[in-house]
Structures are given as C-alpha cells and as structure tokens.
Amino acid sequence: MKIKNQKTKEKTTGITDRAYNFSLEIIKVSDSLSGISGNAIANQLVRSATSVGANIVEAQAGSSRKDFTNFLFYAPKSANETNYWLSLLKDSKKLESSRANALITEVCEIANMLGASVKTLRTKNE
C-alpha cells in the first residue's frame, strides 16, 4: 500500500524494523525458558511479541487508509500484552531483571510510537 504521507510511511518502516528485531530477541528469550510455566509463558510471549510486527506488516499491506489504521490499532495491544508476559517472567525470576527491563523498555517504546501513530491516523480519518 502506498501511503500519501511519506513522513508516516518512514515512521512505520522504522518501527517495522524495531518490531522485527524485538521479536528476534523474544524468540531467544523464549528458547531459554524451561519448565511447565516457562514453556507456557514462552508460547504466549512469542505469540504476542511477533503479533506486533505482523500487524504492522498487515497494516502496510492494507487496501485502504481505514484498513491501515485498523491493523495498526491492534499492534500496541499486542505490545501491551507482551509487556505483561515480560513483567511476569521478571517478577517470577525466570528472566534476569536487567534483560527483562531492557525488553520491557523496548516494547513500551514501540507501543508508545504505535499508539501515537494510531491517534494521528484516527484524527485524520475523522
């Protein structure tokens, strides 16, 4: 999909790369988890974290501005869910605090950027 506003497209492309790299880090973390609870959380974590980037890519492939906005709307929700799983891993001591904090910071930044983009797009669509 071509977006009329080049500035929005550039922001989305940068965030796509960040979401992709974040997903790669989450895969590494998930592969290091063990035990019944570790495996259960790892499954949820991978699902929610990779959903962030997948929704961004789906938004970029949307057939309309409304389609773009709708897909982009779901990405911060997945980022917020990912934050929950990371916090749970940190507080249960299944993930080192410094590693968890770095990932939580990244996912919060991604969520904030996506939220701002969605807000801007929704305002323009009204």
N, C-alpha and C. Protein backbone atom coordinates (compact mmCIF):
# COMPACT_ATOMS: atom_id res chain seq x y z
N MET A 1 0.83 -1.18 0.00
CA MET A 1 0.00 0.00 0.00
C MET A 1 0.87 1.23 0.00
N LYS A 2 0.51 2.18 -0.78
CA LYS A 2 1.22 3.46 -0.78
C LYS A 2 0.48 4.41 0.14
N ILE A 3 1.24 5.02 1.02
CA ILE A 3 0.67 5.99 1.94
C ILE A 3 0.96 7.37 1.39
N LYS A 4 -0.05 8.19 1.37
CA LYS A 4 0.12 9.54 0.81
C LYS A 4 1.12 10.36 1.61
N ASN A 5 1.12 10.20 2.91
CA ASN A 5 2.01 10.98 3.76
C ASN A 5 3.33 10.22 3.93
N GLN A 6 4.37 10.64 3.25
CA GLN A 6 5.67 9.97 3.28
C GLN A 6 6.25 9.92 4.69
N LYS A 7 5.99 10.96 5.49
CA LYS A 7 6.51 11.01 6.86
C LYS A 7 5.96 9.85 7.68
N THR A 8 4.67 9.57 7.56
CA THR A 8 4.05 8.44 8.26
C THR A 8 4.65 7.13 7.80
N LYS A 9 4.89 6.99 6.51
CA LYS A 9 5.46 5.76 5.97
C LYS A 9 6.86 5.53 6.53
N GLU A 10 7.66 6.58 6.62
CA GLU A 10 9.02 6.43 7.15
C GLU A 10 8.99 6.00 8.61
N LYS A 11 8.09 6.57 9.40
CA LYS A 11 7.96 6.18 10.80
C LYS A 11 7.57 4.71 10.90
N THR A 12 6.64 4.29 10.07
CA THR A 12 6.17 2.92 10.12
C THR A 12 7.26 1.94 9.70
N THR A 13 8.05 2.30 8.70
CA THR A 13 9.14 1.43 8.26
C THR A 13 10.15 1.25 9.38
N GLY A 14 10.53 2.32 10.08
CA GLY A 14 11.47 2.22 11.19
C GLY A 14 10.93 1.36 12.31
N ILE A 15 9.66 1.51 12.58
CA ILE A 15 9.06 0.72 13.66
C ILE A 15 8.93 -0.74 13.25
N THR A 16 8.79 -0.99 11.97
CA THR A 16 8.74 -2.38 11.48
C THR A 16 10.06 -3.08 11.79
N ASP A 17 11.15 -2.39 11.54
CA ASP A 17 12.47 -2.96 11.84
C ASP A 17 12.65 -3.19 13.34
N ARG A 18 12.21 -2.23 14.14
CA ARG A 18 12.33 -2.38 15.60
C ARG A 18 11.49 -3.55 16.10
N ALA A 19 10.28 -3.66 15.58
CA ALA A 19 9.40 -4.76 15.99
C ALA A 19 9.98 -6.11 15.57
N TYR A 20 10.57 -6.16 14.40
CA TYR A 20 11.19 -7.40 13.91
C TYR A 20 12.37 -7.80 14.80
N ASN A 21 13.26 -6.85 15.06
CA ASN A 21 14.42 -7.13 15.92
C ASN A 21 14.00 -7.49 17.33
N PHE A 22 12.95 -6.82 17.83
CA PHE A 22 12.42 -7.16 19.14
C PHE A 22 11.91 -8.60 19.15
N SER A 23 11.21 -9.00 18.11
CA SER A 23 10.70 -10.38 18.01
C SER A 23 11.84 -11.38 18.04
N LEU A 24 12.92 -11.07 17.36
CA LEU A 24 14.08 -11.97 17.38
C LEU A 24 14.63 -12.14 18.79
N GLU A 25 14.68 -11.05 19.55
CA GLU A 25 15.15 -11.12 20.94
C GLU A 25 14.20 -11.95 21.79
N ILE A 26 12.92 -11.78 21.57
CA ILE A 26 11.92 -12.55 22.33
C ILE A 26 12.04 -14.04 22.02
N ILE A 27 12.30 -14.38 20.78
CA ILE A 27 12.49 -15.79 20.42
C ILE A 27 13.67 -16.38 21.18
N LYS A 28 14.75 -15.61 21.27
CA LYS A 28 15.92 -16.08 22.03
C LYS A 28 15.58 -16.29 23.50
N VAL A 29 14.87 -15.33 24.08
CA VAL A 29 14.46 -15.46 25.49
C VAL A 29 13.57 -16.68 25.67
N SER A 30 12.60 -16.84 24.80
CA SER A 30 11.66 -17.95 24.91
C SER A 30 12.35 -19.29 24.80
N ASP A 31 13.33 -19.37 23.92
CA ASP A 31 14.08 -20.63 23.77
C ASP A 31 14.88 -20.98 25.02
N SER A 32 15.16 -19.98 25.85
CA SER A 32 15.95 -20.23 27.06
C SER A 32 15.08 -20.62 28.26
N LEU A 33 13.77 -20.49 28.14
CA LEU A 33 12.87 -20.81 29.25
C LEU A 33 12.60 -22.31 29.32
N SER A 34 12.38 -22.78 30.54
CA SER A 34 12.11 -24.21 30.72
C SER A 34 11.06 -24.41 31.79
N GLY A 35 10.65 -25.63 31.95
CA GLY A 35 9.63 -25.97 32.93
C GLY A 35 8.24 -25.73 32.38
N ILE A 36 7.26 -26.21 33.10
CA ILE A 36 5.87 -26.09 32.65
C ILE A 36 5.48 -24.63 32.52
N SER A 37 5.72 -23.83 33.54
CA SER A 37 5.33 -22.41 33.48
C SER A 37 6.17 -21.65 32.47
N GLY A 38 7.46 -21.95 32.40
CA GLY A 38 8.32 -21.28 31.43
C GLY A 38 7.88 -21.53 30.01
N ASN A 39 7.52 -22.77 29.72
CA ASN A 39 7.06 -23.10 28.36
C ASN A 39 5.72 -22.45 28.04
N ALA A 40 4.83 -22.43 29.03
CA ALA A 40 3.51 -21.82 28.81
C ALA A 40 3.66 -20.32 28.55
N ILE A 41 4.47 -19.66 29.36
CA ILE A 41 4.67 -18.22 29.18
C ILE A 41 5.42 -17.95 27.88
N ALA A 42 6.39 -18.80 27.56
CA ALA A 42 7.14 -18.63 26.31
C ALA A 42 6.21 -18.66 25.10
N ASN A 43 5.27 -19.57 25.10
CA ASN A 43 4.31 -19.65 23.98
C ASN A 43 3.50 -18.37 23.85
N GLN A 44 3.00 -17.87 24.97
CA GLN A 44 2.20 -16.64 24.94
C GLN A 44 3.06 -15.44 24.54
N LEU A 45 4.28 -15.41 25.07
CA LEU A 45 5.20 -14.30 24.80
C LEU A 45 5.56 -14.23 23.33
N VAL A 46 5.90 -15.34 22.74
CA VAL A 46 6.24 -15.36 21.31
C VAL A 46 5.04 -14.95 20.48
N ARG A 47 3.87 -15.45 20.83
CA ARG A 47 2.66 -15.12 20.08
C ARG A 47 2.37 -13.62 20.13
N SER A 48 2.41 -13.03 21.32
CA SER A 48 2.08 -11.61 21.43
C SER A 48 3.17 -10.72 20.83
N ALA A 49 4.43 -11.05 21.07
CA ALA A 49 5.54 -10.22 20.57
C ALA A 49 5.62 -10.23 19.05
N THR A 50 5.47 -11.39 18.45
CA THR A 50 5.55 -11.45 16.99
C THR A 50 4.30 -10.86 16.34
N SER A 51 3.21 -10.82 17.07
CA SER A 51 1.98 -10.21 16.57
C SER A 51 2.15 -8.70 16.35
N VAL A 52 3.00 -8.07 17.12
CA VAL A 52 3.23 -6.63 16.96
C VAL A 52 3.71 -6.35 15.54
N GLY A 53 4.80 -6.97 15.15
CA GLY A 53 5.35 -6.76 13.82
C GLY A 53 4.43 -7.26 12.72
N ALA A 54 3.77 -8.38 12.96
CA ALA A 54 2.87 -8.93 11.95
C ALA A 54 1.72 -7.97 11.66
N ASN A 55 1.19 -7.34 12.69
CA ASN A 55 0.11 -6.37 12.48
C ASN A 55 0.60 -5.12 11.75
N ILE A 56 1.83 -4.72 12.02
CA ILE A 56 2.38 -3.57 11.29
C ILE A 56 2.51 -3.91 9.81
N VAL A 57 3.02 -5.09 9.51
CA VAL A 57 3.17 -5.52 8.12
C VAL A 57 1.80 -5.64 7.45
N GLU A 58 0.82 -6.19 8.16
CA GLU A 58 -0.53 -6.28 7.61
C GLU A 58 -1.09 -4.89 7.33
N ALA A 59 -0.82 -3.95 8.23
CA ALA A 59 -1.29 -2.58 8.03
C ALA A 59 -0.69 -1.99 6.75
N GLN A 60 0.59 -2.22 6.56
CA GLN A 60 1.26 -1.68 5.37
C GLN A 60 0.72 -2.30 4.09
N ALA A 61 0.19 -3.51 4.18
CA ALA A 61 -0.36 -4.18 3.00
C ALA A 61 -1.86 -3.91 2.84
N GLY A 62 -2.43 -3.12 3.73
CA GLY A 62 -3.86 -2.83 3.69
C GLY A 62 -4.27 -2.18 2.39
N SER A 63 -5.55 -2.36 2.06
CA SER A 63 -6.04 -1.84 0.79
C SER A 63 -6.58 -0.42 0.88
N SER A 64 -6.69 0.10 2.10
CA SER A 64 -7.19 1.46 2.26
C SER A 64 -6.57 2.08 3.51
N ARG A 65 -6.76 3.38 3.67
CA ARG A 65 -6.26 4.07 4.87
C ARG A 65 -6.96 3.52 6.11
N LYS A 66 -8.26 3.22 5.99
CA LYS A 66 -9.02 2.65 7.11
C LYS A 66 -8.46 1.28 7.48
N ASP A 67 -8.16 0.47 6.49
CA ASP A 67 -7.56 -0.85 6.69
C ASP A 67 -6.22 -0.71 7.41
N PHE A 68 -5.42 0.23 6.94
CA PHE A 68 -4.11 0.50 7.55
C PHE A 68 -4.28 0.86 9.03
N THR A 69 -5.20 1.76 9.31
CA THR A 69 -5.43 2.21 10.68
C THR A 69 -5.92 1.07 11.56
N ASN A 70 -6.84 0.26 11.05
CA ASN A 70 -7.39 -0.85 11.83
C ASN A 70 -6.33 -1.88 12.21
N PHE A 71 -5.49 -2.26 11.27
CA PHE A 71 -4.43 -3.22 11.60
C PHE A 71 -3.42 -2.61 12.56
N LEU A 72 -3.08 -1.36 12.32
CA LEU A 72 -2.12 -0.70 13.20
C LEU A 72 -2.68 -0.55 14.61
N PHE A 73 -3.99 -0.48 14.74
CA PHE A 73 -4.66 -0.36 16.04
C PHE A 73 -4.36 -1.57 16.93
N TYR A 74 -4.23 -2.76 16.35
CA TYR A 74 -4.02 -3.97 17.14
C TYR A 74 -2.57 -4.15 17.60
N ALA A 75 -1.64 -3.55 16.92
CA ALA A 75 -0.22 -3.73 17.26
C ALA A 75 0.12 -3.27 18.68
N PRO A 76 -0.32 -2.07 19.14
CA PRO A 76 0.02 -1.68 20.52
C PRO A 76 -0.65 -2.56 21.56
N LYS A 77 -1.80 -3.13 21.23
CA LYS A 77 -2.45 -4.06 22.15
C LYS A 77 -1.58 -5.29 22.36
N SER A 78 -0.99 -5.80 21.30
CA SER A 78 -0.08 -6.94 21.41
C SER A 78 1.18 -6.56 22.17
N ALA A 79 1.65 -5.33 21.96
CA ALA A 79 2.83 -4.85 22.70
C ALA A 79 2.54 -4.78 24.19
N ASN A 80 1.35 -4.31 24.55
CA ASN A 80 0.98 -4.25 25.96
C ASN A 80 0.87 -5.64 26.58
N GLU A 81 0.35 -6.59 25.83
CA GLU A 81 0.29 -7.97 26.32
C GLU A 81 1.70 -8.52 26.50
N THR A 82 2.59 -8.22 25.59
CA THR A 82 3.98 -8.66 25.69
C THR A 82 4.63 -8.10 26.94
N ASN A 83 4.34 -6.85 27.25
CA ASN A 83 4.84 -6.21 28.46
C ASN A 83 4.40 -7.02 29.70
N TYR A 84 3.17 -7.46 29.70
CA TYR A 84 2.64 -8.27 30.80
C TYR A 84 3.46 -9.55 30.98
N TRP A 85 3.67 -10.27 29.90
CA TRP A 85 4.41 -11.55 29.98
C TRP A 85 5.84 -11.33 30.43
N LEU A 86 6.47 -10.29 29.92
CA LEU A 86 7.85 -9.98 30.34
C LEU A 86 7.91 -9.62 31.82
N SER A 87 6.95 -8.86 32.28
CA SER A 87 6.90 -8.49 33.70
C SER A 87 6.70 -9.73 34.58
N LEU A 88 5.88 -10.63 34.11
CA LEU A 88 5.65 -11.88 34.84
C LEU A 88 6.93 -12.71 34.92
N LEU A 89 7.65 -12.79 33.82
CA LEU A 89 8.93 -13.52 33.81
C LEU A 89 9.93 -12.87 34.76
N LYS A 90 9.98 -11.55 34.75
CA LYS A 90 10.90 -10.82 35.62
C LYS A 90 10.56 -11.06 37.09
N ASP A 91 9.29 -10.87 37.44
CA ASP A 91 8.87 -10.98 38.84
C ASP A 91 8.93 -12.42 39.36
N SER A 92 8.82 -13.39 38.47
CA SER A 92 8.92 -14.80 38.88
C SER A 92 10.37 -15.28 38.87
N LYS A 93 11.28 -14.38 38.50
CA LYS A 93 12.72 -14.67 38.46
C LYS A 93 13.10 -15.69 37.39
N LYS A 94 12.25 -15.84 36.39
CA LYS A 94 12.57 -16.74 35.28
C LYS A 94 13.39 -16.04 34.22
N LEU A 95 13.47 -14.71 34.32
CA LEU A 95 14.27 -13.91 33.40
C LEU A 95 15.02 -12.87 34.21
N GLU A 96 16.30 -12.76 33.95
CA GLU A 96 17.14 -11.80 34.66
C GLU A 96 16.55 -10.39 34.56
N SER A 97 16.54 -9.68 35.67
CA SER A 97 15.91 -8.35 35.74
C SER A 97 16.45 -7.38 34.69
N SER A 98 17.75 -7.34 34.51
CA SER A 98 18.33 -6.39 33.55
C SER A 98 17.88 -6.70 32.12
N ARG A 99 17.81 -7.96 31.78
CA ARG A 99 17.35 -8.37 30.43
C ARG A 99 15.87 -8.05 30.27
N ALA A 100 15.09 -8.38 31.30
CA ALA A 100 13.65 -8.10 31.26
C ALA A 100 13.40 -6.60 31.15
N ASN A 101 14.12 -5.82 31.93
CA ASN A 101 13.92 -4.36 31.91
C ASN A 101 14.24 -3.78 30.54
N ALA A 102 15.29 -4.26 29.91
CA ALA A 102 15.65 -3.77 28.57
C ALA A 102 14.55 -4.10 27.56
N LEU A 103 14.02 -5.31 27.64
CA LEU A 103 12.95 -5.71 26.72
C LEU A 103 11.65 -4.97 27.01
N ILE A 104 11.36 -4.76 28.29
CA ILE A 104 10.16 -4.01 28.66
C ILE A 104 10.27 -2.57 28.17
N THR A 105 11.42 -1.97 28.32
CA THR A 105 11.63 -0.61 27.82
C THR A 105 11.40 -0.55 26.32
N GLU A 106 11.95 -1.50 25.59
CA GLU A 106 11.80 -1.51 24.13
C GLU A 106 10.34 -1.69 23.73
N VAL A 107 9.64 -2.63 24.34
CA VAL A 107 8.25 -2.87 23.95
C VAL A 107 7.37 -1.68 24.34
N CYS A 108 7.68 -1.01 25.42
CA CYS A 108 6.92 0.19 25.80
C CYS A 108 7.15 1.31 24.80
N GLU A 109 8.38 1.47 24.35
CA GLU A 109 8.67 2.49 23.34
C GLU A 109 7.95 2.19 22.03
N ILE A 110 7.96 0.94 21.64
CA ILE A 110 7.27 0.53 20.41
C ILE A 110 5.77 0.79 20.56
N ALA A 111 5.20 0.41 21.71
CA ALA A 111 3.77 0.63 21.96
C ALA A 111 3.42 2.11 21.92
N ASN A 112 4.27 2.94 22.51
CA ASN A 112 4.02 4.38 22.53
C ASN A 112 4.07 4.97 21.12
N MET A 113 5.02 4.54 20.32
CA MET A 113 5.11 5.04 18.95
C MET A 113 3.89 4.60 18.14
N LEU A 114 3.49 3.36 18.31
CA LEU A 114 2.33 2.86 17.59
C LEU A 114 1.05 3.58 18.04
N GLY A 115 0.93 3.78 19.34
CA GLY A 115 -0.24 4.48 19.86
C GLY A 115 -0.34 5.89 19.32
N ALA A 116 0.79 6.59 19.25
CA ALA A 116 0.80 7.94 18.70
C ALA A 116 0.42 7.93 17.22
N SER A 117 0.91 6.95 16.49
CA SER A 117 0.58 6.84 15.06
C SER A 117 -0.91 6.58 14.87
N VAL A 118 -1.46 5.68 15.67
CA VAL A 118 -2.89 5.36 15.56
C VAL A 118 -3.72 6.59 15.89
N LYS A 119 -3.34 7.30 16.92
CA LYS A 119 -4.08 8.51 17.32
C LYS A 119 -4.06 9.54 16.18
N THR A 120 -2.90 9.73 15.59
CA THR A 120 -2.78 10.68 14.47
C THR A 120 -3.63 10.23 13.29
N LEU A 121 -3.57 8.95 12.95
CA LEU A 121 -4.33 8.44 11.82
C LEU A 121 -5.84 8.54 12.06
N ARG A 122 -6.25 8.23 13.26
CA ARG A 122 -7.70 8.29 13.58
C ARG A 122 -8.18 9.74 13.51
N THR A 123 -7.37 10.67 13.97
CA THR A 123 -7.75 12.08 13.92
C THR A 123 -7.88 12.53 12.47
N LYS A 124 -6.98 12.09 11.61
CA LYS A 124 -7.02 12.47 10.20
C LYS A 124 -8.20 11.81 9.47
N ASN A 125 -8.61 10.62 9.95
CA ASN A 125 -9.72 9.90 9.28
C ASN A 125 -11.09 10.44 9.68
N GLU A 126 -11.14 11.23 10.73
CA GLU A 126 -12.44 11.75 11.19
C GLU A 126 -12.91 12.92 10.37
